């Protein structure tokens, strides 16, 4: 039976706010806090961080990602994962790949060429894997059929 957290979880800023700091040090600390609180709550796996690019301004989950810059996302996600997994919590990087909208997300087919996919969407996923992310969550959408 999972144990209840000993205290209320900390209300951290949304990840897109973390991205606005451009700070790998803060990203590492952010991951540590999330990892510690997950452990205190008996949770060994976190469904995050999310690194889908902000491409659709009205997407319902833009606040949950690390922004729209692939280089910045890559640097921050690696630091966040190091902090998170350093506390014993498994990071699940999400959503692979091109999950950039909520509306009709189970039916949309994202059509994207190889160069765009490799230069924009995949760098943060590659950085997360390089940082040792324990799991990858699939996307809801179709990708190129």
N, C-alpha and C. Protein backbone atom coordinates (compact mmCIF):
# COMPACT_ATOMS: atom_id res chain seq x y z
N UNK A 1 0.85 -1.18 0.00
CA UNK A 1 0.00 0.00 0.00
C UNK A 1 0.90 1.24 0.00
N UNK A 2 0.69 2.16 -0.95
CA UNK A 2 1.54 3.36 -1.00
C UNK A 2 1.37 4.22 0.25
N UNK A 3 2.46 4.80 0.67
CA UNK A 3 2.38 5.68 1.83
C UNK A 3 1.99 7.08 1.38
N UNK A 4 1.29 7.77 2.22
CA UNK A 4 0.88 9.15 1.92
C UNK A 4 2.04 10.09 2.17
N UNK A 5 2.13 11.18 1.39
CA UNK A 5 3.20 12.15 1.64
C UNK A 5 3.10 12.69 3.05
N UNK A 6 4.25 12.96 3.65
CA UNK A 6 4.26 13.46 5.01
C UNK A 6 3.80 14.92 5.10
N UNK A 7 3.85 15.61 3.97
CA UNK A 7 3.42 17.01 3.93
C UNK A 7 2.79 17.26 2.58
N UNK A 8 2.11 18.37 2.45
CA UNK A 8 1.51 18.72 1.17
C UNK A 8 2.61 18.94 0.13
N UNK A 9 2.37 18.49 -1.11
CA UNK A 9 3.37 18.72 -2.15
C UNK A 9 3.61 20.21 -2.39
N UNK A 10 4.81 20.51 -2.79
CA UNK A 10 5.17 21.89 -3.09
C UNK A 10 4.53 22.31 -4.41
N UNK A 11 3.95 23.48 -4.45
CA UNK A 11 3.37 24.02 -5.69
C UNK A 11 4.49 24.70 -6.47
N UNK A 12 5.07 23.97 -7.40
CA UNK A 12 6.16 24.50 -8.22
C UNK A 12 5.59 25.27 -9.40
N UNK A 13 6.38 26.18 -9.96
CA UNK A 13 5.94 26.85 -11.18
C UNK A 13 5.78 25.84 -12.31
N UNK A 14 4.97 26.16 -13.29
CA UNK A 14 4.82 25.30 -14.46
C UNK A 14 6.16 25.16 -15.17
N UNK A 15 6.42 24.02 -15.78
CA UNK A 15 7.69 23.82 -16.48
C UNK A 15 8.01 24.90 -17.51
N UNK A 16 7.01 25.45 -18.18
CA UNK A 16 7.29 26.52 -19.14
C UNK A 16 7.86 27.74 -18.42
N UNK A 17 7.50 27.96 -17.17
CA UNK A 17 8.09 29.02 -16.36
C UNK A 17 9.54 28.70 -16.02
N UNK A 18 9.82 27.43 -15.75
CA UNK A 18 11.19 27.00 -15.52
C UNK A 18 12.03 27.27 -16.77
N UNK A 19 11.49 26.97 -17.93
CA UNK A 19 12.21 27.20 -19.19
C UNK A 19 12.57 28.68 -19.36
N UNK A 20 11.70 29.55 -18.89
CA UNK A 20 11.95 30.99 -19.02
C UNK A 20 13.17 31.45 -18.21
N UNK A 21 13.65 30.63 -17.29
CA UNK A 21 14.83 31.00 -16.50
C UNK A 21 16.13 30.70 -17.24
N UNK A 22 16.09 29.79 -18.22
CA UNK A 22 17.29 29.37 -18.97
C UNK A 22 18.34 28.76 -18.04
N UNK A 23 17.95 28.26 -16.88
CA UNK A 23 18.91 27.82 -15.86
C UNK A 23 18.93 26.30 -15.72
N UNK A 24 20.05 25.70 -16.09
CA UNK A 24 20.20 24.26 -15.87
C UNK A 24 20.31 23.95 -14.38
N UNK A 25 20.84 24.88 -13.61
CA UNK A 25 20.93 24.69 -12.15
C UNK A 25 19.54 24.62 -11.54
N UNK A 26 18.66 25.53 -11.95
CA UNK A 26 17.29 25.49 -11.43
C UNK A 26 16.55 24.26 -11.93
N UNK A 27 16.80 23.85 -13.17
CA UNK A 27 16.16 22.64 -13.70
C UNK A 27 16.56 21.42 -12.88
N UNK A 28 17.82 21.34 -12.50
CA UNK A 28 18.29 20.23 -11.67
C UNK A 28 17.58 20.25 -10.31
N UNK A 29 17.51 21.41 -9.70
CA UNK A 29 16.83 21.54 -8.41
C UNK A 29 15.34 21.24 -8.51
N UNK A 30 14.74 21.66 -9.60
CA UNK A 30 13.32 21.39 -9.87
C UNK A 30 13.10 19.87 -9.89
N UNK A 31 13.98 19.18 -10.62
CA UNK A 31 13.90 17.72 -10.68
C UNK A 31 14.08 17.08 -9.32
N UNK A 32 15.01 17.61 -8.53
CA UNK A 32 15.23 17.06 -7.18
C UNK A 32 13.97 17.18 -6.32
N UNK A 33 13.35 18.35 -6.34
CA UNK A 33 12.14 18.55 -5.53
C UNK A 33 11.04 17.58 -5.96
N UNK A 34 10.82 17.47 -7.26
CA UNK A 34 9.79 16.55 -7.76
C UNK A 34 10.13 15.11 -7.37
N UNK A 35 11.39 14.74 -7.50
CA UNK A 35 11.81 13.38 -7.15
C UNK A 35 11.63 13.09 -5.67
N UNK A 36 11.99 14.04 -4.82
CA UNK A 36 11.84 13.86 -3.38
C UNK A 36 10.36 13.71 -3.00
N UNK A 37 9.54 14.54 -3.59
CA UNK A 37 8.11 14.49 -3.25
C UNK A 37 7.44 13.23 -3.79
N UNK A 38 7.90 12.76 -4.94
CA UNK A 38 7.37 11.50 -5.45
C UNK A 38 7.73 10.37 -4.49
N UNK A 39 8.97 10.35 -4.04
CA UNK A 39 9.40 9.31 -3.11
C UNK A 39 8.63 9.40 -1.79
N UNK A 40 8.42 10.60 -1.30
CA UNK A 40 7.66 10.77 -0.06
C UNK A 40 6.23 10.27 -0.20
N UNK A 41 5.71 10.32 -1.42
CA UNK A 41 4.36 9.83 -1.67
C UNK A 41 4.30 8.39 -2.12
N UNK A 42 5.44 7.70 -2.08
CA UNK A 42 5.45 6.29 -2.46
C UNK A 42 5.40 6.06 -3.96
N UNK A 43 5.75 7.06 -4.75
CA UNK A 43 5.71 6.95 -6.21
C UNK A 43 7.12 6.78 -6.74
N UNK A 44 7.32 5.75 -7.54
CA UNK A 44 8.65 5.48 -8.08
C UNK A 44 8.82 5.97 -9.52
N UNK A 45 7.72 6.29 -10.19
CA UNK A 45 7.77 6.70 -11.59
C UNK A 45 6.98 7.99 -11.75
N UNK A 46 7.57 8.95 -12.46
CA UNK A 46 6.89 10.22 -12.76
C UNK A 46 6.59 10.27 -14.24
N UNK A 47 5.38 10.68 -14.61
CA UNK A 47 5.03 10.86 -16.02
C UNK A 47 5.46 12.25 -16.44
N UNK A 48 6.72 12.45 -16.65
CA UNK A 48 7.31 13.70 -17.05
C UNK A 48 8.81 13.58 -16.95
N UNK A 49 9.53 14.54 -17.45
CA UNK A 49 9.09 15.80 -18.04
C UNK A 49 8.56 15.64 -19.46
N UNK A 50 7.81 16.65 -19.88
CA UNK A 50 7.25 16.71 -21.22
C UNK A 50 8.10 17.66 -22.05
N UNK A 51 8.48 17.22 -23.24
CA UNK A 51 9.33 18.06 -24.08
C UNK A 51 8.78 18.28 -25.49
N UNK A 52 7.48 18.08 -25.66
CA UNK A 52 6.92 18.44 -26.96
C UNK A 52 7.02 19.95 -27.12
N UNK A 53 7.39 20.37 -28.32
CA UNK A 53 7.53 21.80 -28.58
C UNK A 53 6.19 22.51 -28.56
N UNK A 54 6.20 23.74 -28.13
CA UNK A 54 5.00 24.58 -28.24
C UNK A 54 4.91 25.01 -29.69
N UNK A 55 4.02 24.38 -30.43
CA UNK A 55 3.82 24.71 -31.85
C UNK A 55 2.43 25.25 -32.12
N UNK A 56 1.48 24.85 -31.31
CA UNK A 56 0.10 25.30 -31.46
C UNK A 56 -0.20 26.18 -30.26
N UNK A 57 -0.34 27.50 -30.46
CA UNK A 57 -0.45 28.40 -29.31
C UNK A 57 -1.65 28.13 -28.41
N UNK A 58 -2.68 27.49 -28.92
CA UNK A 58 -3.87 27.23 -28.11
C UNK A 58 -3.88 25.81 -27.53
N UNK A 59 -2.77 25.09 -27.67
CA UNK A 59 -2.72 23.73 -27.14
C UNK A 59 -2.95 23.77 -25.63
N UNK A 60 -3.73 22.84 -25.15
CA UNK A 60 -4.14 22.85 -23.75
C UNK A 60 -3.07 22.53 -22.75
N UNK A 61 -1.94 21.98 -23.20
CA UNK A 61 -0.92 21.56 -22.24
C UNK A 61 0.42 22.27 -22.47
N UNK A 62 0.41 23.40 -23.12
CA UNK A 62 1.66 24.13 -23.37
C UNK A 62 2.39 24.46 -22.08
N UNK A 63 1.67 24.72 -21.01
CA UNK A 63 2.29 25.06 -19.72
C UNK A 63 3.14 23.93 -19.19
N UNK A 64 2.89 22.70 -19.65
CA UNK A 64 3.51 21.51 -19.10
C UNK A 64 4.86 21.18 -19.76
N UNK A 65 5.19 21.89 -20.83
CA UNK A 65 6.41 21.59 -21.57
C UNK A 65 7.50 22.61 -21.26
N UNK A 66 8.65 22.42 -21.85
CA UNK A 66 9.79 23.32 -21.61
C UNK A 66 9.95 24.33 -22.75
N UNK A 67 8.87 24.73 -23.38
CA UNK A 67 8.90 25.82 -24.34
C UNK A 67 8.99 25.41 -25.79
N UNK A 68 9.54 26.34 -26.59
CA UNK A 68 9.54 26.13 -28.04
C UNK A 68 10.94 26.10 -28.64
N UNK A 69 11.97 26.08 -27.83
CA UNK A 69 13.33 26.07 -28.34
C UNK A 69 13.98 24.71 -28.11
N UNK A 70 14.34 23.98 -29.19
CA UNK A 70 14.89 22.63 -29.03
C UNK A 70 16.20 22.59 -28.25
N UNK A 71 17.07 23.56 -28.43
CA UNK A 71 18.34 23.56 -27.71
C UNK A 71 18.11 23.80 -26.21
N UNK A 72 17.29 24.79 -25.89
CA UNK A 72 16.99 25.06 -24.49
C UNK A 72 16.32 23.86 -23.84
N UNK A 73 15.33 23.28 -24.50
CA UNK A 73 14.66 22.10 -23.96
C UNK A 73 15.66 20.99 -23.67
N UNK A 74 16.57 20.75 -24.61
CA UNK A 74 17.55 19.67 -24.47
C UNK A 74 18.42 19.87 -23.24
N UNK A 75 18.88 21.07 -23.04
CA UNK A 75 19.75 21.34 -21.89
C UNK A 75 18.99 21.24 -20.57
N UNK A 76 17.78 21.80 -20.56
CA UNK A 76 17.01 21.79 -19.31
C UNK A 76 16.51 20.39 -18.95
N UNK A 77 16.05 19.64 -19.95
CA UNK A 77 15.50 18.32 -19.63
C UNK A 77 16.59 17.39 -19.10
N UNK A 78 17.80 17.49 -19.63
CA UNK A 78 18.89 16.65 -19.13
C UNK A 78 19.17 16.97 -17.66
N UNK A 79 19.17 18.24 -17.30
CA UNK A 79 19.41 18.63 -15.91
C UNK A 79 18.26 18.22 -15.00
N UNK A 80 17.04 18.41 -15.48
CA UNK A 80 15.88 18.02 -14.67
C UNK A 80 15.87 16.52 -14.41
N UNK A 81 16.16 15.74 -15.42
CA UNK A 81 16.18 14.29 -15.26
C UNK A 81 17.28 13.86 -14.28
N UNK A 82 18.44 14.49 -14.36
CA UNK A 82 19.52 14.16 -13.42
C UNK A 82 19.07 14.42 -11.98
N UNK A 83 18.41 15.55 -11.75
CA UNK A 83 17.92 15.84 -10.41
C UNK A 83 16.83 14.89 -9.97
N UNK A 84 15.90 14.61 -10.84
CA UNK A 84 14.76 13.74 -10.55
C UNK A 84 15.21 12.31 -10.26
N UNK A 85 15.99 11.76 -11.15
CA UNK A 85 16.40 10.36 -10.99
C UNK A 85 17.46 10.21 -9.92
N UNK A 86 18.16 11.29 -9.59
CA UNK A 86 19.10 11.25 -8.48
C UNK A 86 18.40 11.03 -7.14
N UNK A 87 17.11 11.27 -7.10
CA UNK A 87 16.31 11.04 -5.89
C UNK A 87 15.65 9.67 -5.88
N UNK A 88 15.92 8.88 -6.92
CA UNK A 88 15.37 7.52 -6.96
C UNK A 88 14.04 7.40 -7.68
N UNK A 89 13.62 8.45 -8.38
CA UNK A 89 12.36 8.43 -9.11
C UNK A 89 12.65 8.30 -10.60
N UNK A 90 11.94 7.44 -11.29
CA UNK A 90 12.15 7.22 -12.72
C UNK A 90 11.42 8.30 -13.51
N UNK A 91 12.13 8.93 -14.43
CA UNK A 91 11.53 9.93 -15.33
C UNK A 91 10.95 9.23 -16.56
N UNK A 92 9.75 9.62 -16.95
CA UNK A 92 9.12 9.14 -18.18
C UNK A 92 9.01 10.32 -19.12
N UNK A 93 9.91 10.43 -20.07
CA UNK A 93 9.90 11.54 -21.02
C UNK A 93 8.69 11.37 -21.93
N UNK A 94 8.02 12.47 -22.22
CA UNK A 94 6.79 12.35 -23.02
C UNK A 94 6.60 13.56 -23.91
N UNK A 95 5.79 13.39 -24.91
CA UNK A 95 5.09 12.28 -25.56
C UNK A 95 5.76 12.07 -26.90
N UNK A 96 6.26 10.91 -27.17
CA UNK A 96 7.04 10.64 -28.37
C UNK A 96 6.13 10.28 -29.52
N UNK A 97 6.06 11.05 -30.50
CA UNK A 97 6.60 12.36 -30.84
C UNK A 97 5.53 13.17 -31.55
N UNK A 98 5.75 14.47 -31.57
CA UNK A 98 4.87 15.45 -32.24
C UNK A 98 3.48 15.54 -31.60
N UNK A 99 3.37 15.33 -30.32
CA UNK A 99 2.11 15.46 -29.60
C UNK A 99 1.96 16.93 -29.19
N UNK A 100 1.50 17.75 -30.11
CA UNK A 100 1.50 19.19 -29.90
C UNK A 100 0.12 19.82 -29.79
N UNK A 101 -0.92 19.03 -29.71
CA UNK A 101 -2.25 19.60 -29.55
C UNK A 101 -3.14 18.65 -28.78
N UNK A 102 -4.12 19.21 -28.11
CA UNK A 102 -5.08 18.40 -27.36
C UNK A 102 -6.32 18.08 -28.19
N UNK A 103 -6.77 19.04 -28.98
CA UNK A 103 -7.98 18.86 -29.76
C UNK A 103 -7.80 17.73 -30.77
N UNK A 104 -8.66 16.72 -30.70
CA UNK A 104 -8.65 15.61 -31.64
C UNK A 104 -7.32 14.84 -31.61
N UNK A 105 -6.67 14.81 -30.47
CA UNK A 105 -5.32 14.25 -30.39
C UNK A 105 -5.24 12.76 -30.72
N UNK A 106 -6.32 12.03 -30.58
CA UNK A 106 -6.30 10.60 -30.88
C UNK A 106 -6.47 10.31 -32.37
N UNK A 107 -6.89 11.32 -33.12
CA UNK A 107 -7.15 11.13 -34.55
C UNK A 107 -6.21 11.91 -35.46
N UNK A 108 -5.56 12.94 -34.96
CA UNK A 108 -4.73 13.79 -35.81
C UNK A 108 -3.54 13.00 -36.33
N UNK A 109 -3.17 13.25 -37.57
CA UNK A 109 -2.00 12.64 -38.19
C UNK A 109 -1.03 13.78 -38.50
N UNK A 110 0.04 13.88 -37.74
CA UNK A 110 1.01 14.95 -37.92
C UNK A 110 1.93 14.57 -39.07
N UNK A 111 1.94 15.40 -40.09
CA UNK A 111 2.80 15.17 -41.25
C UNK A 111 4.01 16.07 -41.13
N UNK A 112 5.17 15.47 -41.03
CA UNK A 112 6.40 16.23 -40.81
C UNK A 112 7.55 15.54 -41.54
N UNK A 113 8.38 16.35 -42.20
CA UNK A 113 9.52 15.77 -42.91
C UNK A 113 10.63 15.40 -41.92
N UNK A 114 11.53 14.55 -42.39
CA UNK A 114 12.61 14.04 -41.55
C UNK A 114 13.48 15.14 -40.95
N UNK A 115 13.86 16.12 -41.76
CA UNK A 115 14.74 17.18 -41.28
C UNK A 115 14.09 17.96 -40.14
N UNK A 116 12.84 18.33 -40.31
CA UNK A 116 12.13 19.07 -39.27
C UNK A 116 12.01 18.24 -38.00
N UNK A 117 11.68 16.98 -38.16
CA UNK A 117 11.55 16.09 -37.00
C UNK A 117 12.88 16.00 -36.25
N UNK A 118 13.96 15.80 -36.97
CA UNK A 118 15.28 15.62 -36.34
C UNK A 118 15.84 16.91 -35.75
N UNK A 119 15.56 18.04 -36.36
CA UNK A 119 16.13 19.30 -35.87
C UNK A 119 15.29 19.98 -34.80
N UNK A 120 13.99 19.73 -34.80
CA UNK A 120 13.12 20.43 -33.85
C UNK A 120 12.55 19.55 -32.75
N UNK A 121 11.91 18.47 -33.09
CA UNK A 121 11.19 17.68 -32.08
C UNK A 121 12.08 16.67 -31.35
N UNK A 122 13.00 16.04 -32.04
CA UNK A 122 13.74 14.94 -31.43
C UNK A 122 14.93 15.33 -30.55
N UNK A 123 15.56 16.49 -30.68
CA UNK A 123 16.72 16.78 -29.83
C UNK A 123 16.46 16.66 -28.33
N UNK A 124 15.34 17.11 -27.85
CA UNK A 124 15.07 17.01 -26.41
C UNK A 124 14.85 15.56 -25.99
N UNK A 125 14.22 14.76 -26.85
CA UNK A 125 14.07 13.34 -26.54
C UNK A 125 15.44 12.66 -26.49
N UNK A 126 16.29 13.00 -27.44
CA UNK A 126 17.64 12.42 -27.47
C UNK A 126 18.42 12.84 -26.22
N UNK A 127 18.29 14.09 -25.82
CA UNK A 127 18.98 14.57 -24.61
C UNK A 127 18.45 13.84 -23.37
N UNK A 128 17.15 13.61 -23.33
CA UNK A 128 16.55 12.91 -22.19
C UNK A 128 17.05 11.48 -22.11
N UNK A 129 17.13 10.81 -23.24
CA UNK A 129 17.65 9.44 -23.25
C UNK A 129 19.12 9.45 -22.86
N UNK A 130 19.87 10.42 -23.39
CA UNK A 130 21.28 10.55 -23.03
C UNK A 130 21.49 10.81 -21.55
N UNK A 131 20.52 11.47 -20.92
CA UNK A 131 20.60 11.76 -19.49
C UNK A 131 20.13 10.58 -18.64
N UNK A 132 19.66 9.52 -19.30
CA UNK A 132 19.28 8.31 -18.57
C UNK A 132 17.81 8.18 -18.24
N UNK A 133 16.93 8.91 -18.93
CA UNK A 133 15.49 8.78 -18.65
C UNK A 133 15.11 7.31 -18.64
N UNK A 134 14.35 6.92 -17.63
CA UNK A 134 14.01 5.51 -17.45
C UNK A 134 12.91 4.99 -18.34
N UNK A 135 12.12 5.89 -18.93
CA UNK A 135 10.99 5.45 -19.75
C UNK A 135 10.62 6.54 -20.75
N UNK A 136 9.91 6.14 -21.79
CA UNK A 136 9.40 7.07 -22.80
C UNK A 136 7.92 6.77 -22.97
N UNK A 137 7.09 7.80 -22.90
CA UNK A 137 5.65 7.65 -23.11
C UNK A 137 5.35 7.95 -24.57
N UNK A 138 4.53 7.11 -25.18
CA UNK A 138 4.16 7.34 -26.57
C UNK A 138 3.16 8.50 -26.68
N UNK A 139 3.05 9.01 -27.89
CA UNK A 139 2.11 10.10 -28.17
C UNK A 139 0.74 9.51 -28.51
N UNK A 140 -0.27 10.36 -28.49
CA UNK A 140 -1.62 9.95 -28.84
C UNK A 140 -1.85 10.02 -30.33
N UNK A 141 -1.18 10.93 -30.99
CA UNK A 141 -1.39 11.19 -32.41
C UNK A 141 -0.69 10.18 -33.30
N UNK A 142 -1.07 10.19 -34.56
CA UNK A 142 -0.34 9.44 -35.59
C UNK A 142 0.79 10.35 -36.06
N UNK A 143 1.82 9.75 -36.61
CA UNK A 143 2.94 10.49 -37.16
C UNK A 143 3.24 9.97 -38.55
N UNK A 144 3.02 10.82 -39.53
CA UNK A 144 3.24 10.44 -40.94
C UNK A 144 2.51 9.15 -41.29
N UNK A 145 1.28 9.07 -40.82
CA UNK A 145 0.44 7.91 -41.12
C UNK A 145 0.69 6.76 -40.19
